[in-house]
Amino acid sequence: MKLSKHRVLLCGILSPLSAVLLYMFVYGVSTRYSADLEKDWRFRLSLSTIAMTIPFFATIALAIKARRTGPFSLSAKIGLLVATLSLGLAASPIRDGLLREKQTFNMGLHDVAAPLFDTVDINGNAERLSDQVGKVVIVNVWATWCGPCRSEMPKLDHLYRERKDKGLVVFGISDEAVGVQQKFLQQVPVSYPLLTVKGTVPSLYIDIARYPAIFLIDRSGRLQPAPGPDQSFEKLEAAVETLLRSRS
């Protein structure tokens, strides 16, 4: 009986945790049964975000029912307040969705001049995109906590070492501290430069929601679409080979 009197409070208190668990469950299931992860990410993210609101509406329903049977208690008001505040958790996936929308647009740019960066690598050496005119450039935006980055970087390094004499340049860019990157490099060694964002690095290379992200730049300094992280590395190799064969 006491429990039933405080069910609005309990439901409200559990709302934040329930919202997070529902998001993870719906996103996980929809991802598992997705036919095309690259095309339906908006649907999966929207569905998961909507699922986060279920605990709030469940608390509202209980509060309305409790109000009909008697005075609105203090515990019910507290539960309703907590449930309302839990809606703020949806701001994170919404923000990620907007950022990924921007990233998707940026990565799809074709025959547009690549924004120039002027920064230093983790060893303090200056690196400028403007110095790479006439070469094919891969800009790999990565993070030490990113599992797919760990798998992709040795492949990128192998591609770089095989094709650098033909005009291929590879840069890694991370906004993490130099010490963190250097420690990671001991575990996953690569020979291409890892850049910091201490200099001038345009937002194109920083506004990233999904890692790793590849930007492909042709010999004329123009952005060309690169295969997404859900596509095979062989597609990136093929795209690079096509650009290396081109002299313009």
Protein backbone atom coordinates (compact mmCIF):
# COMPACT_ATOMS: atom_id res chain seq x y z
CA MET A 1 0.00 0.00 0.00
CA LYS A 2 2.79 2.42 0.88
CA LEU A 3 4.54 1.52 -2.36
CA SER A 4 1.45 2.33 -4.41
CA LYS A 5 1.23 5.75 -2.77
CA HIS A 6 4.73 6.59 -3.91
CA ARG A 7 4.69 4.99 -7.35
CA VAL A 8 4.83 8.40 -9.09
CA LEU A 9 7.95 9.19 -7.06
CA LEU A 10 9.54 5.81 -7.83
CA CYS A 11 8.72 6.05 -11.52
CA GLY A 12 10.15 9.56 -11.63
CA ILE A 13 13.34 8.62 -9.81
CA LEU A 14 13.86 5.69 -12.17
CA SER A 15 13.17 7.81 -15.25
CA PRO A 16 16.79 8.90 -15.97
CA LEU A 17 18.15 5.35 -15.75
CA SER A 18 15.20 3.94 -17.68
CA ALA A 19 15.64 6.57 -20.41
CA VAL A 20 19.31 5.64 -20.90
CA LEU A 21 18.59 1.90 -20.90
CA LEU A 22 15.76 2.31 -23.40
CA TYR A 23 17.99 4.36 -25.67
CA MET A 24 20.73 1.72 -25.57
CA PHE A 25 18.27 -1.12 -26.13
CA VAL A 26 16.39 0.44 -29.05
CA TYR A 27 19.56 1.72 -30.71
CA GLY A 28 21.28 -1.65 -30.26
CA VAL A 29 18.36 -3.65 -31.68
CA SER A 30 17.77 -1.28 -34.59
CA THR A 31 21.47 -1.31 -35.41
CA ARG A 32 21.64 -5.09 -35.27
CA TYR A 33 18.78 -5.49 -37.74
CA SER A 34 19.72 -2.55 -39.95
CA ALA A 35 19.99 -3.26 -43.66
CA ASP A 36 22.19 -0.22 -44.26
CA LEU A 37 23.83 1.50 -41.28
CA GLU A 38 24.92 4.49 -43.34
CA LYS A 39 21.49 5.22 -44.80
CA ASP A 40 19.19 4.63 -41.84
CA TRP A 41 21.19 6.22 -39.03
CA ARG A 42 18.70 9.13 -38.79
CA PHE A 43 15.81 6.71 -38.29
CA ARG A 44 17.69 4.68 -35.67
CA LEU A 45 18.78 7.75 -33.76
CA SER A 46 15.31 9.33 -33.89
CA LEU A 47 13.60 6.11 -32.76
CA SER A 48 16.05 5.68 -29.87
CA THR A 49 15.64 9.30 -28.79
CA ILE A 50 11.84 8.99 -28.82
CA ALA A 51 12.16 5.84 -26.69
CA MET A 52 13.93 7.94 -24.05
CA THR A 53 10.72 9.90 -23.44
CA ILE A 54 8.68 6.81 -22.48
CA PRO A 55 9.58 6.96 -18.73
CA PHE A 56 8.50 10.60 -18.64
CA PHE A 57 5.10 9.87 -20.17
CA ALA A 58 4.70 6.82 -17.91
CA THR A 59 5.26 9.09 -14.91
CA ILE A 60 2.77 11.61 -16.31
CA ALA A 61 0.15 8.85 -16.68
CA LEU A 62 0.66 7.72 -13.10
CA ALA A 63 0.52 11.32 -11.86
CA ILE A 64 -2.79 11.95 -13.66
CA LYS A 65 -4.23 8.77 -12.18
CA ALA A 66 -2.99 9.71 -8.70
CA ARG A 67 -4.49 13.20 -9.03
CA ARG A 68 -7.90 11.75 -9.79
CA THR A 69 -7.94 9.70 -6.61
CA GLY A 70 -6.88 12.42 -4.20
CA PRO A 71 -4.65 15.41 -3.44
CA PHE A 72 -1.37 15.66 -5.35
CA SER A 73 1.24 14.62 -2.78
CA LEU A 74 4.70 16.09 -2.37
CA SER A 75 6.30 12.78 -3.38
CA ALA A 76 4.29 12.78 -6.60
CA LYS A 77 5.42 16.32 -7.36
CA ILE A 78 9.05 15.35 -6.78
CA GLY A 79 8.68 12.30 -9.01
CA LEU A 80 7.12 14.38 -11.76
CA LEU A 81 9.90 16.96 -11.50
CA VAL A 82 12.64 14.31 -11.76
CA ALA A 83 10.90 12.71 -14.73
CA THR A 84 10.66 16.10 -16.44
CA LEU A 85 14.34 16.76 -15.85
CA SER A 86 15.18 13.37 -17.35
CA LEU A 87 13.95 14.67 -20.69
CA GLY A 88 17.15 16.72 -20.77
CA LEU A 89 19.07 13.50 -21.40
CA ALA A 90 17.65 13.49 -24.92
CA ALA A 91 19.72 16.59 -25.65
CA SER A 92 22.84 14.45 -26.06
CA PRO A 93 21.60 12.25 -28.94
CA ILE A 94 19.91 15.26 -30.53
CA ARG A 95 23.21 17.14 -30.44
CA ASP A 96 25.04 14.10 -31.82
CA GLY A 97 22.46 13.82 -34.59
CA LEU A 98 22.93 17.43 -35.64
CA LEU A 99 26.71 17.00 -35.59
CA ARG A 100 26.53 13.79 -37.59
CA GLU A 101 24.24 15.50 -40.12
CA LYS A 102 26.95 18.11 -40.56
CA GLN A 103 29.64 15.43 -40.78
CA THR A 104 27.67 13.50 -43.41
CA PHE A 105 27.34 16.63 -45.50
CA ASN A 106 31.04 17.47 -45.16
CA MET A 107 32.19 13.97 -46.07
CA GLY A 108 30.02 14.01 -49.17
CA LEU A 109 31.59 17.16 -50.61
CA HIS A 110 32.81 16.73 -54.19
CA ASP A 111 35.26 18.89 -56.17
CA VAL A 112 35.32 21.55 -53.44
CA ALA A 113 38.61 23.07 -52.28
CA ALA A 114 39.69 21.36 -49.06
CA PRO A 115 39.98 23.83 -46.15
CA LEU A 116 43.65 24.40 -45.37
CA PHE A 117 45.09 23.51 -41.99
CA ASP A 118 48.34 24.73 -40.45
CA THR A 119 49.25 22.95 -37.25
CA VAL A 120 51.91 20.77 -35.60
CA ASP A 121 52.19 17.04 -35.15
CA ILE A 122 52.70 15.31 -31.81
CA ASN A 123 56.47 15.77 -32.21
CA GLY A 124 56.17 19.51 -32.71
CA ASN A 125 56.81 19.47 -36.46
CA ALA A 126 54.85 21.98 -38.55
CA GLU A 127 52.41 20.44 -41.02
CA ARG A 128 50.48 22.44 -43.63
CA LEU A 129 47.98 21.12 -46.13
CA SER A 130 49.12 23.81 -48.57
CA ASP A 131 52.51 22.06 -48.77
CA GLN A 132 50.88 18.94 -50.26
CA VAL A 133 49.69 20.38 -53.57
CA GLY A 134 50.11 17.80 -56.33
CA LYS A 135 49.71 14.90 -53.91
CA VAL A 136 46.76 12.75 -52.87
CA VAL A 137 46.01 13.33 -49.18
CA ILE A 138 44.10 11.20 -46.71
CA VAL A 139 43.05 13.00 -43.54
CA ASN A 140 42.04 10.48 -40.90
CA VAL A 141 40.16 11.94 -37.91
CA TRP A 142 40.57 9.48 -35.06
CA ALA A 143 40.49 9.01 -31.27
CA THR A 144 42.38 6.71 -28.93
CA TRP A 145 39.15 5.34 -27.44
CA CYS A 146 37.79 4.43 -30.89
CA GLY A 147 37.95 0.67 -31.53
CA PRO A 148 37.53 0.91 -35.33
CA CYS A 149 40.35 3.51 -35.37
CA ARG A 150 42.67 1.00 -33.72
CA SER A 151 41.85 -1.53 -36.45
CA GLU A 152 42.03 0.95 -39.32
CA MET A 153 45.28 2.77 -38.50
CA PRO A 154 47.68 -0.15 -39.27
CA LYS A 155 45.92 -0.56 -42.63
CA LEU A 156 46.29 3.15 -43.33
CA ASP A 157 49.96 2.96 -42.41
CA HIS A 158 50.51 0.02 -44.76
CA LEU A 159 48.74 1.87 -47.57
CA TYR A 160 50.84 4.98 -46.88
CA ARG A 161 54.13 3.09 -46.95
CA GLU A 162 53.18 1.32 -50.17
CA ARG A 163 51.94 4.43 -52.01
CA LYS A 164 53.92 7.37 -50.61
CA ASP A 165 56.42 7.16 -53.49
CA LYS A 166 53.49 7.61 -55.88
CA GLY A 167 52.35 10.78 -54.14
CA LEU A 168 50.18 9.62 -51.23
CA VAL A 169 50.21 11.55 -47.95
CA VAL A 170 48.36 10.46 -44.81
CA PHE A 171 47.62 12.66 -41.80
CA GLY A 172 45.92 11.61 -38.58
CA ILE A 173 44.11 14.34 -36.65
CA SER A 174 42.98 14.05 -33.03
CA ASP A 175 41.92 16.66 -30.48
CA GLU A 176 43.33 14.56 -27.64
CA ALA A 177 46.39 15.56 -25.61
CA VAL A 178 49.83 14.90 -27.08
CA GLY A 179 50.75 12.57 -24.22
CA VAL A 180 47.63 10.49 -24.77
CA GLN A 181 48.38 10.16 -28.48
CA GLN A 182 52.04 9.27 -27.88
CA LYS A 183 51.07 6.56 -25.40
CA PHE A 184 48.58 5.15 -27.92
CA LEU A 185 51.29 5.22 -30.60
CA GLN A 186 53.35 2.81 -28.52
CA GLN A 187 50.52 0.29 -28.82
CA VAL A 188 49.52 1.02 -32.42
CA PRO A 189 52.63 2.40 -34.17
CA VAL A 190 52.19 4.27 -37.45
CA SER A 191 54.74 6.10 -39.61
CA TYR A 192 52.49 8.88 -40.91
CA PRO A 193 52.18 12.17 -38.95
CA LEU A 194 49.61 12.47 -36.16
CA LEU A 195 48.47 16.07 -35.97
CA THR A 196 47.23 18.11 -33.04
CA VAL A 197 44.64 20.90 -33.21
CA LYS A 198 46.96 23.46 -31.61
CA GLY A 199 47.27 25.45 -34.82
CA THR A 200 44.65 26.43 -37.36
CA VAL A 201 42.41 23.44 -38.05
CA PRO A 202 39.07 24.22 -39.79
CA SER A 203 35.85 22.91 -38.31
CA LEU A 204 35.45 20.48 -41.23
CA TYR A 205 38.08 18.27 -39.58
CA ILE A 206 36.80 18.82 -36.03
CA ASP A 207 32.98 18.59 -36.29
CA ILE A 208 32.98 14.81 -36.03
CA ALA A 209 30.28 12.69 -34.41
CA ARG A 210 31.36 9.32 -35.72
CA TYR A 211 34.91 8.01 -35.66
CA PRO A 212 36.97 7.25 -37.64
CA ALA A 213 36.29 9.80 -40.37
CA ILE A 214 38.21 9.94 -43.65
CA PHE A 215 38.60 13.01 -45.86
CA LEU A 216 40.09 12.37 -49.28
CA ILE A 217 41.84 15.19 -51.15
CA ASP A 218 42.96 14.94 -54.79
CA ARG A 219 46.14 16.31 -56.39
CA SER A 220 44.44 19.64 -57.07
CA GLY A 221 43.55 20.12 -53.40
CA ARG A 222 39.86 19.31 -53.86
CA LEU A 223 37.75 17.16 -51.56
CA GLN A 224 36.52 13.90 -53.02
CA PRO A 225 33.98 11.55 -51.37
CA ALA A 226 35.62 8.85 -49.29
CA PRO A 227 34.10 5.49 -48.33
CA GLY A 228 32.36 5.55 -44.95
CA PRO A 229 33.43 3.57 -41.86
CA ASP A 230 30.83 0.88 -42.62
CA GLN A 231 32.42 0.17 -46.00
CA SER A 232 35.41 -2.07 -46.58
CA PHE A 233 38.93 -0.68 -46.48
CA GLU A 234 39.40 -2.03 -50.00
CA LYS A 235 37.02 0.67 -51.26
CA LEU A 236 39.26 3.34 -49.79
CA GLU A 237 42.28 1.70 -51.41
CA ALA A 238 40.50 1.69 -54.77
CA ALA A 239 39.50 5.37 -54.40
CA VAL A 240 43.08 6.32 -53.53
CA GLU A 241 44.45 4.35 -56.47
CA THR A 242 42.07 6.15 -58.85
CA LEU A 243 43.21 9.54 -57.57
CA LEU A 244 46.88 8.58 -57.74
CA ARG A 245 46.49 7.67 -61.41
CA SER A 246 44.98 11.07 -62.14
CA ARG A 247 47.46 13.86 -62.83
CA SER A 248 44.98 16.71 -62.24
